[in-house]
Amino acid sequence: MDFTREQLLTIMEEHVPFNRFLGLRGESIGEGRAVLVLPVRPEFVGDPSRPALHGGVLSTLIDTVPRRSPYAASRHREVQAAVAVPGPFFPIPYGVSVVSAELEGWLAMRAATIRNGLRLVRGRVEMRVSVLALRLGDGDPVRLCTVADRVAAASGIATWRSSTAGTGANIAISLSFLVPRNDVAGFLARIAPLASRAGGVAVVPSGPWPAATFMPPLEVPGALVAGAAPVLYAV
Protein backbone atom coordinates (compact mmCIF):
# COMPACT_ATOMS: atom_id res chain seq x y z
CA MET A 1 0.00 0.00 0.00
CA ASP A 2 1.25 3.48 -0.89
CA PHE A 3 0.77 6.32 1.59
CA THR A 4 0.60 10.04 1.00
CA ARG A 5 3.07 12.26 2.85
CA GLU A 6 0.30 13.46 5.13
CA GLN A 7 -0.67 9.88 5.97
CA LEU A 8 2.95 8.99 6.80
CA LEU A 9 3.16 11.91 9.21
CA THR A 10 -0.11 10.88 10.83
CA ILE A 11 1.09 7.29 11.28
CA MET A 12 4.36 8.49 12.84
CA GLU A 13 2.60 10.92 15.20
CA GLU A 14 -0.58 9.11 16.18
CA HIS A 15 -0.12 5.38 15.59
CA VAL A 16 3.21 4.87 17.39
CA PRO A 17 2.39 5.04 21.12
CA PHE A 18 5.89 6.07 22.21
CA ASN A 19 6.00 8.94 19.72
CA ARG A 20 2.57 10.06 20.90
CA PHE A 21 3.74 9.92 24.54
CA LEU A 22 6.79 12.09 23.75
CA GLY A 23 4.79 14.56 21.67
CA LEU A 24 6.94 13.96 18.59
CA ARG A 25 5.59 15.79 15.56
CA GLY A 26 6.43 15.73 11.89
CA GLU A 27 6.99 19.17 10.39
CA SER A 28 7.60 18.14 6.79
CA ILE A 29 8.46 15.13 4.67
CA GLY A 30 9.94 14.86 1.18
CA GLU A 31 12.10 12.64 -0.99
CA GLY A 32 15.03 11.50 1.16
CA ARG A 33 14.25 14.07 3.86
CA ALA A 34 12.03 14.43 6.92
CA VAL A 35 11.89 17.11 9.63
CA LEU A 36 10.76 16.01 13.10
CA VAL A 37 10.02 18.31 16.01
CA LEU A 38 10.24 17.23 19.66
CA PRO A 39 9.03 19.89 22.14
CA VAL A 40 11.34 19.84 25.17
CA ARG A 41 9.79 19.03 28.55
CA PRO A 42 11.45 19.13 31.99
CA GLU A 43 11.08 15.34 32.20
CA PHE A 44 13.49 14.96 29.26
CA VAL A 45 16.51 16.29 31.21
CA GLY A 46 19.14 13.64 31.90
CA ASP A 47 21.81 15.79 33.57
CA PRO A 48 20.23 18.50 35.76
CA SER A 49 23.63 20.03 36.59
CA ARG A 50 24.16 21.25 33.00
CA PRO A 51 21.18 20.84 32.19
CA ALA A 52 21.26 18.48 29.21
CA LEU A 53 18.70 16.28 27.49
CA HIS A 54 18.83 12.56 28.22
CA GLY A 55 20.63 10.59 25.53
CA GLY A 56 17.63 8.31 25.15
CA VAL A 57 15.49 11.26 24.10
CA LEU A 58 18.05 12.34 21.50
CA SER A 59 18.53 8.83 20.19
CA THR A 60 14.78 8.55 19.59
CA LEU A 61 15.19 11.08 16.79
CA ILE A 62 17.92 8.95 15.18
CA ASP A 63 16.54 5.59 16.26
CA THR A 64 17.08 4.15 12.79
CA VAL A 65 19.90 5.31 10.57
CA PRO A 66 18.41 5.65 7.06
CA ARG A 67 19.14 2.61 4.92
CA ARG A 68 21.68 3.11 2.21
CA SER A 69 20.10 3.70 -1.18
CA PRO A 70 21.46 5.07 -4.48
CA TYR A 71 19.67 8.37 -3.81
CA ALA A 72 20.90 8.67 -0.21
CA ALA A 73 24.47 7.73 -1.16
CA SER A 74 24.45 10.24 -4.01
CA ARG A 75 23.19 13.03 -1.76
CA HIS A 76 25.81 12.09 0.86
CA ARG A 77 28.60 12.41 -1.72
CA GLU A 78 27.22 15.71 -2.99
CA VAL A 79 27.13 17.23 0.49
CA GLN A 80 30.66 16.07 1.26
CA ALA A 81 31.98 17.38 -2.04
CA ALA A 82 30.36 20.75 -1.36
CA VAL A 83 32.06 21.19 2.03
CA ALA A 84 35.44 19.72 1.01
CA VAL A 85 36.68 22.95 -0.61
CA PRO A 86 39.20 24.31 0.23
CA GLY A 87 39.90 21.49 2.67
CA PRO A 88 41.43 19.50 4.14
CA PHE A 89 38.32 17.47 4.90
CA PHE A 90 37.88 14.08 6.59
CA PRO A 91 34.90 12.40 4.88
CA ILE A 92 32.79 10.32 7.26
CA PRO A 93 31.29 7.20 5.63
CA TYR A 94 27.54 7.11 5.11
CA GLY A 95 25.54 5.70 8.00
CA VAL A 96 27.47 6.88 11.07
CA SER A 97 25.37 8.36 13.82
CA VAL A 98 26.63 9.65 17.17
CA VAL A 99 24.40 11.06 19.89
CA SER A 100 25.28 14.74 20.21
CA ALA A 101 25.97 14.44 23.93
CA GLU A 102 28.71 11.89 23.14
CA LEU A 103 30.23 13.66 20.15
CA GLU A 104 33.06 15.39 22.03
CA GLY A 105 34.32 12.13 23.53
CA TRP A 106 33.82 10.26 20.25
CA LEU A 107 36.03 12.78 18.44
CA ALA A 108 38.62 12.85 21.22
CA MET A 109 39.15 9.08 21.00
CA ARG A 110 39.75 9.39 17.26
CA ALA A 111 41.64 12.70 17.22
CA ALA A 112 45.02 11.21 16.25
CA THR A 113 43.46 9.19 13.42
CA ILE A 114 41.60 12.22 12.10
CA ARG A 115 44.71 14.43 12.24
CA ASN A 116 46.75 11.81 10.35
CA GLY A 117 44.06 11.55 7.70
CA LEU A 118 43.87 15.31 7.28
CA ARG A 119 47.64 15.54 6.87
CA LEU A 120 47.53 12.81 4.23
CA VAL A 121 44.91 14.53 2.06
CA ARG A 122 45.88 18.16 2.56
CA GLY A 123 45.87 19.78 -0.87
CA ARG A 124 44.70 16.54 -2.53
CA VAL A 125 41.45 15.15 -3.88
CA GLU A 126 40.28 11.72 -4.98
CA MET A 127 39.83 11.04 -8.68
CA ARG A 128 38.16 7.78 -9.70
CA VAL A 129 38.39 5.93 -12.98
CA SER A 130 36.03 3.09 -13.89
CA VAL A 131 37.27 0.54 -16.40
CA LEU A 132 34.51 -1.64 -17.84
CA ALA A 133 33.27 -3.24 -21.04
CA LEU A 134 31.25 -1.05 -23.38
CA ARG A 135 28.65 -3.83 -23.70
CA LEU A 136 27.18 -5.68 -20.73
CA GLY A 137 28.47 -9.24 -20.49
CA ASP A 138 31.30 -8.56 -22.93
CA GLY A 139 34.06 -7.92 -20.41
CA ASP A 140 37.36 -9.75 -20.75
CA PRO A 141 38.98 -9.68 -17.27
CA VAL A 142 42.50 -9.90 -18.73
CA ARG A 143 41.80 -7.07 -21.17
CA LEU A 144 40.25 -4.87 -18.46
CA CYS A 145 43.18 -5.46 -16.11
CA THR A 146 45.61 -4.56 -18.87
CA VAL A 147 43.81 -1.29 -19.56
CA ALA A 148 43.58 -0.51 -15.82
CA ASP A 149 47.33 -1.07 -15.43
CA ARG A 150 47.99 1.31 -18.32
CA VAL A 151 45.75 3.95 -16.78
CA ALA A 152 47.62 3.67 -13.47
CA ALA A 153 50.99 3.93 -15.23
CA ALA A 154 49.94 6.92 -17.32
CA SER A 155 48.36 8.78 -14.40
CA GLY A 156 51.67 9.89 -12.94
CA ILE A 157 50.17 9.45 -9.45
CA ALA A 158 52.07 7.38 -6.90
CA THR A 159 49.19 6.86 -4.42
CA TRP A 160 46.32 4.86 -5.86
CA ARG A 161 44.12 1.85 -5.11
CA SER A 162 41.99 -0.52 -7.11
CA SER A 163 38.90 -2.63 -6.51
CA THR A 164 36.71 -4.89 -8.62
CA ALA A 165 32.98 -5.50 -8.83
CA GLY A 166 31.16 -8.31 -10.58
CA THR A 167 32.60 -11.53 -11.92
CA GLY A 168 33.54 -13.09 -15.23
CA ALA A 169 32.32 -11.20 -18.28
CA ASN A 170 30.51 -8.64 -16.06
CA ILE A 171 33.59 -7.52 -14.15
CA ALA A 172 34.35 -3.83 -13.68
CA ILE A 173 37.49 -2.28 -12.22
CA SER A 174 37.51 0.91 -10.17
CA LEU A 175 40.72 2.89 -9.68
CA SER A 176 41.07 5.63 -7.05
CA PHE A 177 43.90 8.17 -7.23
CA LEU A 178 45.04 10.69 -4.61
CA VAL A 179 45.69 13.67 -6.88
CA PRO A 180 47.06 17.12 -5.96
CA ARG A 181 44.17 19.56 -6.34
CA ASN A 182 46.15 21.69 -8.78
CA ASP A 183 46.96 18.65 -10.95
CA VAL A 184 43.42 17.45 -11.68
CA ALA A 185 43.43 18.84 -15.22
CA GLY A 186 46.88 17.35 -15.85
CA PHE A 187 45.74 13.97 -14.52
CA LEU A 188 42.76 13.92 -16.88
CA ALA A 189 44.96 14.94 -19.81
CA ARG A 190 47.45 12.14 -19.11
CA ILE A 191 44.82 9.37 -19.08
CA ALA A 192 42.69 10.76 -21.95
CA PRO A 193 44.70 9.07 -24.76
CA LEU A 194 44.08 5.67 -23.16
CA ALA A 195 40.31 6.21 -23.20
CA SER A 196 40.35 6.88 -26.94
CA ARG A 197 42.46 3.79 -27.70
CA ALA A 198 40.88 1.28 -25.29
CA GLY A 199 38.95 -0.57 -28.03
CA GLY A 200 35.70 -1.94 -26.57
CA VAL A 201 36.61 -0.84 -23.05
CA ALA A 202 35.18 2.26 -21.39
CA VAL A 203 37.55 4.40 -19.30
CA VAL A 204 35.34 6.74 -17.29
CA PRO A 205 36.88 9.31 -14.91
CA SER A 206 34.90 11.10 -12.20
CA GLY A 207 35.67 13.63 -9.53
CA PRO A 208 37.16 15.44 -7.85
CA TRP A 209 35.79 13.85 -4.67
CA PRO A 210 36.78 13.99 -0.99
CA ALA A 211 39.52 11.40 -0.50
CA ALA A 212 37.36 8.83 1.34
CA THR A 213 39.18 5.81 -0.09
CA PHE A 214 42.48 6.87 1.47
CA MET A 215 41.27 7.74 4.96
CA PRO A 216 42.30 5.55 7.92
CA PRO A 217 39.47 3.63 9.62
CA LEU A 218 37.77 5.32 12.57
CA GLU A 219 37.00 2.20 14.62
CA VAL A 220 38.56 2.24 18.08
CA PRO A 221 39.93 -1.01 19.63
CA GLY A 222 37.82 -2.23 22.52
CA ALA A 223 40.80 -2.03 24.89
CA LEU A 224 40.68 1.77 24.58
CA VAL A 225 37.07 1.94 25.71
CA ALA A 226 37.36 1.64 29.48
CA GLY A 227 34.82 -0.67 31.02
CA ALA A 228 32.95 -1.29 27.77
CA ALA A 229 32.83 -3.82 25.01
CA PRO A 230 33.98 -2.69 21.55
CA VAL A 231 31.41 -0.46 19.92
CA LEU A 232 31.41 0.02 16.15
CA TYR A 233 30.01 3.37 15.16
CA ALA A 234 28.60 3.31 11.67
CA VAL A 235 29.99 6.57 10.30
C-alpha atoms as a PDB file:
ATOM      1  CA  MET A   1       0.000   0.000   0.000  1.00  0.00           C
ATOM      2  CA  ASP A   2       1.252   3.479  -0.886  1.00  0.00           C
ATOM      3  CA  PHE A   3       0.770   6.317   1.593  1.00  0.00           C
ATOM      4  CA  THR A   4       0.603  10.038   1.002  1.00  0.00           C
ATOM      5  CA  ARG A   5       3.073  12.257   2.848  1.00  0.00           C
ATOM      6  CA  GLU A   6       0.305  13.458   5.131  1.00  0.00           C
ATOM      7  CA  GLN A   7      -0.668   9.876   5.966  1.00  0.00           C
ATOM      8  CA  LEU A   8       2.948   8.985   6.798  1.00  0.00           C
ATOM      9  CA  LEU A   9       3.163  11.911   9.206  1.00  0.00           C
ATOM     10  CA  THR A  10      -0.110  10.879  10.833  1.00  0.00           C
ATOM     11  CA  ILE A  11       1.093   7.294  11.280  1.00  0.00           C
ATOM     12  CA  MET A  12       4.356   8.494  12.839  1.00  0.00           C
ATOM     13  CA  GLU A  13       2.598  10.919  15.202  1.00  0.00           C
ATOM     14  CA  GLU A  14      -0.583   9.107  16.185  1.00  0.00           C
ATOM     15  CA  HIS A  15      -0.122   5.380  15.591  1.00  0.00           C
ATOM     16  CA  VAL A  16       3.209   4.871  17.392  1.00  0.00           C
ATOM     17  CA  PRO A  17       2.387   5.038  21.123  1.00  0.00           C
ATOM     18  CA  PHE A  18       5.888   6.066  22.210  1.00  0.00           C
ATOM     19  CA  ASN A  19       6.001   8.939  19.716  1.00  0.00           C
ATOM     20  CA  ARG A  20       2.575  10.057  20.899  1.00  0.00           C
ATOM     21  CA  PHE A  21       3.738   9.921  24.536  1.00  0.00           C
ATOM     22  CA  LEU A  22       6.793  12.094  23.750  1.00  0.00           C
ATOM     23  CA  GLY A  23       4.794  14.560  21.670  1.00  0.00           C
ATOM     24  CA  LEU A  24       6.944  13.958  18.593  1.00  0.00           C
ATOM     25  CA  ARG A  25       5.593  15.786  15.557  1.00  0.00           C
ATOM     26  CA  GLY A  26       6.433  15.729  11.886  1.00  0.00           C
ATOM     27  CA  GLU A  27       6.991  19.174  10.391  1.00  0.00           C
ATOM     28  CA  SER A  28       7.601  18.140   6.789  1.00  0.00           C
ATOM     29  CA  ILE A  29       8.458  15.127   4.668  1.00  0.00           C
ATOM     30  CA  GLY A  30       9.937  14.857   1.185  1.00  0.00           C
ATOM     31  CA  GLU A  31      12.104  12.638  -0.986  1.00  0.00           C
ATOM     32  CA  GLY A  32      15.030  11.501   1.159  1.00  0.00           C
ATOM     33  CA  ARG A  33      14.246  14.073   3.863  1.00  0.00           C
ATOM     34  CA  ALA A  34      12.028  14.428   6.919  1.00  0.00           C
ATOM     35  CA  VAL A  35      11.892  17.110   9.634  1.00  0.00           C
ATOM     36  CA  LEU A  36      10.756  16.006  13.095  1.00  0.00           C
ATOM     37  CA  VAL A  37      10.025  18.315  16.010  1.00  0.00           C
ATOM     38  CA  LEU A  38      10.237  17.227  19.655  1.00  0.00           C
ATOM     39  CA  PRO A  39       9.032  19.891  22.144  1.00  0.00           C
ATOM     40  CA  VAL A  40      11.339  19.842  25.172  1.00  0.00           C
ATOM     41  CA  ARG A  41       9.788  19.032  28.545  1.00  0.00           C
ATOM     42  CA  PRO A  42      11.452  19.129  31.990  1.00  0.00           C
ATOM     43  CA  GLU A  43      11.079  15.345  32.200  1.00  0.00           C
ATOM     44  CA  PHE A  44      13.492  14.961  29.258  1.00  0.00           C
ATOM     45  CA  VAL A  45      16.511  16.289  31.208  1.00  0.00           C
ATOM     46  CA  GLY A  46      19.140  13.640  31.896  1.00  0.00           C
ATOM     47  CA  ASP A  47      21.811  15.791  33.568  1.00  0.00           C
ATOM     48  CA  PRO A  48      20.227  18.495  35.762  1.00  0.00           C
ATOM     49  CA  SER A  49      23.627  20.034  36.585  1.00  0.00           C
ATOM     50  CA  ARG A  50      24.157  21.248  33.000  1.00  0.00           C
ATOM     51  CA  PRO A  51      21.181  20.837  32.190  1.00  0.00           C
ATOM     52  CA  ALA A  52      21.255  18.478  29.209  1.00  0.00           C
ATOM     53  CA  LEU A  53      18.703  16.278  27.494  1.00  0.00           C
ATOM     54  CA  HIS A  54      18.828  12.563  28.219  1.00  0.00           C
ATOM     55  CA  GLY A  55      20.633  10.587  25.528  1.00  0.00           C
ATOM     56  CA  GLY A  56      17.630   8.311  25.149  1.00  0.00           C
ATOM     57  CA  VAL A  57      15.493  11.259  24.098  1.00  0.00           C
ATOM     58  CA  LEU A  58      18.049  12.336  21.502  1.00  0.00           C
ATOM     59  CA  SER A  59      18.528   8.826  20.192  1.00  0.00           C
ATOM     60  CA  THR A  60      14.784   8.554  19.595  1.00  0.00           C
ATOM     61  CA  LEU A  61      15.186  11.077  16.791  1.00  0.00           C
ATOM     62  CA  ILE A  62      17.919   8.954  15.183  1.00  0.00           C
ATOM     63  CA  ASP A  63      16.538   5.588  16.260  1.00  0.00           C
ATOM     64  CA  THR A  64      17.077   4.151  12.789  1.00  0.00           C
ATOM     65  CA  VAL A  65      19.900   5.312  10.567  1.00  0.00           C
ATOM     66  CA  PRO A  66      18.412   5.646   7.058  1.00  0.00           C
ATOM     67  CA  ARG A  67      19.141   2.608   4.924  1.00  0.00           C
ATOM     68  CA  ARG A  68      21.680   3.113   2.207  1.00  0.00           C
ATOM     69  CA  SER A  69      20.101   3.701  -1.183  1.00  0.00           C
ATOM     70  CA  PRO A  70      21.456   5.074  -4.476  1.00  0.00           C
ATOM     71  CA  TYR A  71      19.672   8.373  -3.813  1.00  0.00           C
ATOM     72  CA  ALA A  72      20.897   8.670  -0.213  1.00  0.00           C
ATOM     73  CA  ALA A  73      24.472   7.731  -1.155  1.00  0.00           C
ATOM     74  CA  SER A  74      24.454  10.236  -4.010  1.00  0.00           C
ATOM     75  CA  ARG A  75      23.194  13.026  -1.756  1.00  0.00           C
ATOM     76  CA  HIS A  76      25.810  12.089   0.858  1.00  0.00           C
ATOM     77  CA  ARG A  77      28.600  12.407  -1.724  1.00  0.00           C
ATOM     78  CA  GLU A  78      27.220  15.713  -2.991  1.00  0.00           C
ATOM     79  CA  VAL A  79      27.131  17.229   0.493  1.00  0.00           C
ATOM     80  CA  GLN A  80      30.663  16.065   1.260  1.00  0.00           C
ATOM     81  CA  ALA A  81      31.984  17.379  -2.039  1.00  0.00           C
ATOM     82  CA  ALA A  82      30.357  20.752  -1.356  1.00  0.00           C
ATOM     83  CA  VAL A  83      32.063  21.193   2.029  1.00  0.00           C
ATOM     84  CA  ALA A  84      35.440  19.718   1.009  1.00  0.00           C
ATOM     85  CA  VAL A  85      36.684  22.948  -0.610  1.00  0.00           C
ATOM     86  CA  PRO A  86      39.202  24.308   0.227  1.00  0.00           C
ATOM     87  CA  GLY A  87      39.897  21.491   2.674  1.00  0.00           C
ATOM     88  CA  PRO A  88      41.435  19.501   4.140  1.00  0.00           C
ATOM     89  CA  PHE A  89      38.324  17.466   4.900  1.00  0.00           C
ATOM     90  CA  PHE A  90      37.878  14.078   6.594  1.00  0.00           C
ATOM     91  CA  PRO A  91      34.898  12.402   4.880  1.00  0.00           C
ATOM     92  CA  ILE A  92      32.792  10.325   7.263  1.00  0.00           C
ATOM     93  CA  PRO A  93      31.294   7.196   5.631  1.00  0.00           C
ATOM     94  CA  TYR A  94      27.545   7.111   5.110  1.00  0.00           C
ATOM     95  CA  GLY A  95      25.538   5.699   8.002  1.00  0.00           C
ATOM     96  CA  VAL A  96      27.470   6.880  11.068  1.00  0.00           C
ATOM     97  CA  SER A  97      25.365   8.361  13.824  1.00  0.00           C
ATOM     98  CA  VAL A  98      26.628   9.653  17.165  1.00  0.00           C
ATOM     99  CA  VAL A  99      24.403  11.065  19.895  1.00  0.00           C
ATOM    100  CA  SER A 100      25.282  14.744  20.212  1.00  0.00           C
ATOM    101  CA  ALA A 101      25.970  14.439  23.931  1.00  0.00           C
ATOM    102  CA  GLU A 102      28.708  11.887  23.142  1.00  0.00           C
ATOM    103  CA  LEU A 103      30.229  13.664  20.149  1.00  0.00           C
ATOM    104  CA  GLU A 104      33.063  15.393  22.025  1.00  0.00           C
ATOM    105  CA  GLY A 105      34.316  12.133  23.529  1.00  0.00           C
ATOM    106  CA  TRP A 106      33.816  10.262  20.253  1.00  0.00           C
ATOM    107  CA  LEU A 107      36.025  12.777  18.440  1.00  0.00           C
ATOM    108  CA  ALA A 108      38.624  12.848  21.218  1.00  0.00           C
ATOM    109  CA  MET A 109      39.152   9.081  20.998  1.00  0.00           C
ATOM    110  CA  ARG A 110      39.755   9.391  17.264  1.00  0.00           C
ATOM    111  CA  ALA A 111      41.639  12.704  17.218  1.00  0.00           C
ATOM    112  CA  ALA A 112      45.022  11.212  16.245  1.00  0.00           C
ATOM    113  CA  THR A 113      43.461   9.188  13.416  1.00  0.00           C
ATOM    114  CA  ILE A 114      41.597  12.218  12.100  1.00  0.00           C
ATOM    115  CA  ARG A 115      44.712  14.425  12.243  1.00  0.00           C
ATOM    116  CA  ASN A 116      46.746  11.806  10.354  1.00  0.00           C
ATOM    117  CA  GLY A 117      44.057  11.547   7.704  1.00  0.00           C
ATOM    118  CA  LEU A 118      43.869  15.314   7.276  1.00  0.00           C
ATOM    119  CA  ARG A 119      47.643  15.538   6.868  1.00  0.00           C
ATOM    120  CA  LEU A 120      47.532  12.813   4.228  1.00  0.00           C
ATOM    121  CA  VAL A 121      44.910  14.529   2.063  1.00  0.00           C
ATOM    122  CA  ARG A 122      45.882  18.159   2.558  1.00  0.00           C
ATOM    123  CA  GLY A 123      45.866  19.784  -0.872  1.00  0.00           C
ATOM    124  CA  ARG A 124      44.700  16.543  -2.527  1.00  0.00           C
ATOM    125  CA  VAL A 125      41.449  15.146  -3.883  1.00  0.00           C
ATOM    126  CA  GLU A 126      40.279  11.718  -4.984  1.00  0.00           C
ATOM    127  CA  MET A 127      39.834  11.040  -8.684  1.00  0.00           C
ATOM    128  CA  ARG A 128      38.162   7.775  -9.700  1.00  0.00           C
ATOM    129  CA  VAL A 129      38.387   5.928 -12.983  1.00  0.00           C
ATOM    130  CA  SER A 130      36.029   3.089 -13.888  1.00  0.00           C
ATOM    131  CA  VAL A 131      37.273   0.536 -16.400  1.00  0.00           C
ATOM    132  CA  LEU A 132      34.508  -1.637 -17.844  1.00  0.00           C
ATOM    133  CA  ALA A 133      33.266  -3.240 -21.037  1.00  0.00           C
ATOM    134  CA  LEU A 134      31.246  -1.050 -23.376  1.00  0.00           C
ATOM    135  CA  ARG A 135      28.646  -3.829 -23.695  1.00  0.00           C
ATOM    136  CA  LEU A 136      27.183  -5.681 -20.731  1.00  0.00           C
ATOM    137  CA  GLY A 137      28.473  -9.237 -20.491  1.00  0.00           C
ATOM    138  CA  ASP A 138      31.305  -8.564 -22.932  1.00  0.00           C
ATOM    139  CA  GLY A 139      34.057  -7.917 -20.411  1.00  0.00           C
ATOM    140  CA  ASP A 140      37.360  -9.752 -20.751  1.00  0.00           C
ATOM    141  CA  PRO A 141      38.981  -9.678 -17.272  1.00  0.00           C
ATOM    142  CA  VAL A 142      42.496  -9.897 -18.733  1.00  0.00           C
ATOM    143  CA  ARG A 143      41.804  -7.066 -21.173  1.00  0.00           C
ATOM    144  CA  LEU A 144      40.250  -4.871 -18.459  1.00  0.00           C
ATOM    145  CA  CYS A 145      43.183  -5.459 -16.106  1.00  0.00           C
ATOM    146  CA  THR A 146      45.613  -4.558 -18.872  1.00  0.00           C
ATOM    147  CA  VAL A 147      43.811  -1.288 -19.558  1.00  0.00           C
ATOM    148  CA  ALA A 148      43.579  -0.514 -15.823  1.00  0.00           C
ATOM    149  CA  ASP A 149      47.331  -1.070 -15.432  1.00  0.00           C
ATOM    150  CA  ARG A 150      47.992   1.306 -18.324  1.00  0.00           C
ATOM    151  CA  VAL A 151      45.748   3.954 -16.777  1.00  0.00           C
ATOM    152  CA  ALA A 152      47.622   3.675 -13.474  1.00  0.00           C
ATOM    153  CA  ALA A 153      50.992   3.926 -15.231  1.00  0.00           C
ATOM    154  CA  ALA A 154      49.940   6.918 -17.319  1.00  0.00           C
ATOM    155  CA  SER A 155      48.360   8.782 -14.399  1.00  0.00           C
ATOM    156  CA  GLY A 156      51.670   9.890 -12.943  1.00  0.00           C
ATOM    157  CA  ILE A 157      50.170   9.447  -9.446  1.00  0.00           C
ATOM    158  CA  ALA A 158      52.066   7.376  -6.903  1.00  0.00           C
ATOM    159  CA  THR A 159      49.191   6.860  -4.421  1.00  0.00           C
ATOM    160  CA  TRP A 160      46.319   4.859  -5.861  1.00  0.00           C
ATOM    161  CA  ARG A 161      44.119   1.854  -5.108  1.00  0.00           C
ATOM    162  CA  SER A 162      41.988  -0.524  -7.110  1.00  0.00           C
ATOM    163  CA  SER A 163      38.904  -2.632  -6.511  1.00  0.00           C
ATOM    164  CA  THR A 164      36.707  -4.888  -8.616  1.00  0.00           C
ATOM    165  CA  ALA A 165      32.984  -5.502  -8.833  1.00  0.00           C
ATOM    166  CA  GLY A 166      31.164  -8.308 -10.582  1.00  0.00           C
ATOM    167  CA  THR A 167      32.603 -11.534 -11.920  1.00  0.00           C
ATOM    168  CA  GLY A 168      33.539 -13.095 -15.226  1.00  0.00           C
ATOM    169  CA  ALA A 169      32.315 -11.204 -18.276  1.00  0.00           C
ATOM    170  CA  ASN A 170      30.515  -8.641 -16.061  1.00  0.00           C
ATOM    171  CA  ILE A 171      33.591  -7.520 -14.146  1.00  0.00           C
ATOM    172  CA  ALA A 172      34.350  -3.825 -13.677  1.00  0.00           C
ATOM    173  CA  ILE A 173      37.493  -2.275 -12.219  1.00  0.00           C
ATOM    174  CA  SER A 174      37.511   0.912 -10.172  1.00  0.00           C
ATOM    175  CA  LEU A 175      40.723   2.893  -9.681  1.00  0.00           C
ATOM    176  CA  SER A 176      41.071   5.628  -7.052  1.00  0.00           C
ATOM    177  CA  PHE A 177      43.899   8.175  -7.228  1.00  0.00           C
ATOM    178  CA  LEU A 178      45.041  10.688  -4.612  1.00  0.00           C
ATOM    179  CA  VAL A 179      45.686  13.670  -6.879  1.00  0.00           C
ATOM    180  CA  PRO A 180      47.057  17.119  -5.960  1.00  0.00           C
ATOM    181  CA  ARG A 181      44.172  19.557  -6.344  1.00  0.00           C
ATOM    182  CA  ASN A 182      46.154  21.694  -8.781  1.00  0.00           C
ATOM    183  CA  ASP A 183      46.960  18.654 -10.950  1.00  0.00           C
ATOM    184  CA  VAL A 184      43.418  17.450 -11.685  1.00  0.00           C
ATOM    185  CA  ALA A 185      43.434  18.843 -15.224  1.00  0.00           C
ATOM    186  CA  GLY A 186      46.879  17.350 -15.853  1.00  0.00           C
ATOM    187  CA  PHE A 187      45.744  13.967 -14.520  1.00  0.00           C
ATOM    188  CA  LEU A 188      42.764  13.920 -16.877  1.00  0.00           C
ATOM    189  CA  ALA A 189      44.962  14.940 -19.815  1.00  0.00           C
ATOM    190  CA  ARG A 190      47.448  12.139 -19.109  1.00  0.00           C
ATOM    191  CA  ILE A 191      44.824   9.370 -19.085  1.00  0.00           C
ATOM    192  CA  ALA A 192      42.689  10.764 -21.947  1.00  0.00           C
ATOM    193  CA  PRO A 193      44.698   9.072 -24.762  1.00  0.00           C
ATOM    194  CA  LEU A 194      44.082   5.669 -23.165  1.00  0.00           C
ATOM    195  CA  ALA A 195      40.313   6.214 -23.200  1.00  0.00           C
ATOM    196  CA  SER A 196      40.350   6.878 -26.937  1.00  0.00           C
ATOM    197  CA  ARG A 197      42.457   3.793 -27.701  1.00  0.00           C
ATOM    198  CA  ALA A 198      40.877   1.275 -25.295  1.00  0.00           C
ATOM    199  CA  GLY A 199      38.948  -0.574 -28.026  1.00  0.00           C
ATOM    200  CA  GLY A 200      35.696  -1.938 -26.565  1.00  0.00           C
ATOM    201  CA  VAL A 201      36.614  -0.843 -23.050  1.00  0.00           C
ATOM    202  CA  ALA A 202      35.179   2.265 -21.390  1.00  0.00           C
ATOM    203  CA  VAL A 203      37.555   4.396 -19.305  1.00  0.00           C
ATOM    204  CA  VAL A 204      35.338   6.737 -17.288  1.00  0.00           C
ATOM    205  CA  PRO A 205      36.883   9.308 -14.911  1.00  0.00           C
ATOM    206  CA  SER A 206      34.901  11.102 -12.198  1.00  0.00           C
ATOM    207  CA  GLY A 207      35.673  13.631  -9.531  1.00  0.00           C
ATOM    208  CA  PRO A 208      37.159  15.439  -7.846  1.00  0.00           C
ATOM    209  CA  TRP A 209      35.787  13.855  -4.666  1.00  0.00           C
ATOM    210  CA  PRO A 210      36.782  13.991  -0.990  1.00  0.00           C
ATOM    211  CA  ALA A 211      39.518  11.397  -0.496  1.00  0.00           C
ATOM    212  CA  ALA A 212      37.364   8.831   1.341  1.00  0.00           C
ATOM    213  CA  THR A 213      39.183   5.805  -0.093  1.00  0.00           C
ATOM    214  CA  PHE A 214      42.482   6.867   1.475  1.00  0.00           C
ATOM    215  CA  MET A 215      41.265   7.737   4.961  1.00  0.00           C
ATOM    216  CA  PRO A 216      42.304   5.551   7.924  1.00  0.00           C
ATOM    217  CA  PRO A 217      39.472   3.630   9.621  1.00  0.00           C
ATOM    218  CA  LEU A 218      37.775   5.315  12.572  1.00  0.00           C
ATOM    219  CA  GLU A 219      36.999   2.196  14.623  1.00  0.00           C
ATOM    220  CA  VAL A 220      38.557   2.245  18.082  1.00  0.00           C
ATOM    221  CA  PRO A 221      39.934  -1.005  19.627  1.00  0.00           C
ATOM    222  CA  GLY A 222      37.815  -2.230  22.521  1.00  0.00           C
ATOM    223  CA  ALA A 223      40.796  -2.026  24.895  1.00  0.00           C
ATOM    224  CA  LEU A 224      40.681   1.767  24.581  1.00  0.00           C
ATOM    225  CA  VAL A 225      37.074   1.938  25.712  1.00  0.00           C
ATOM    226  CA  ALA A 226      37.361   1.643  29.475  1.00  0.00           C
ATOM    227  CA  GLY A 227      34.822  -0.670  31.020  1.00  0.00           C
ATOM    228  CA  ALA A 228      32.954  -1.294  27.771  1.00  0.00           C
ATOM    229  CA  ALA A 229      32.835  -3.822  25.009  1.00  0.00           C
ATOM    230  CA  PRO A 230      33.980  -2.688  21.555  1.00  0.00           C
ATOM    231  CA  VAL A 231      31.411  -0.459  19.925  1.00  0.00           C
ATOM    232  CA  LEU A 232      31.414   0.019  16.151  1.00  0.00           C
ATOM    233  CA  TYR A 233      30.011   3.374  15.159  1.00  0.00           C
ATOM    234  CA  ALA A 234      28.599   3.313  11.666  1.00  0.00           C
ATOM    235  CA  VAL A 235      29.995   6.568  10.303  1.00  0.00           C
END
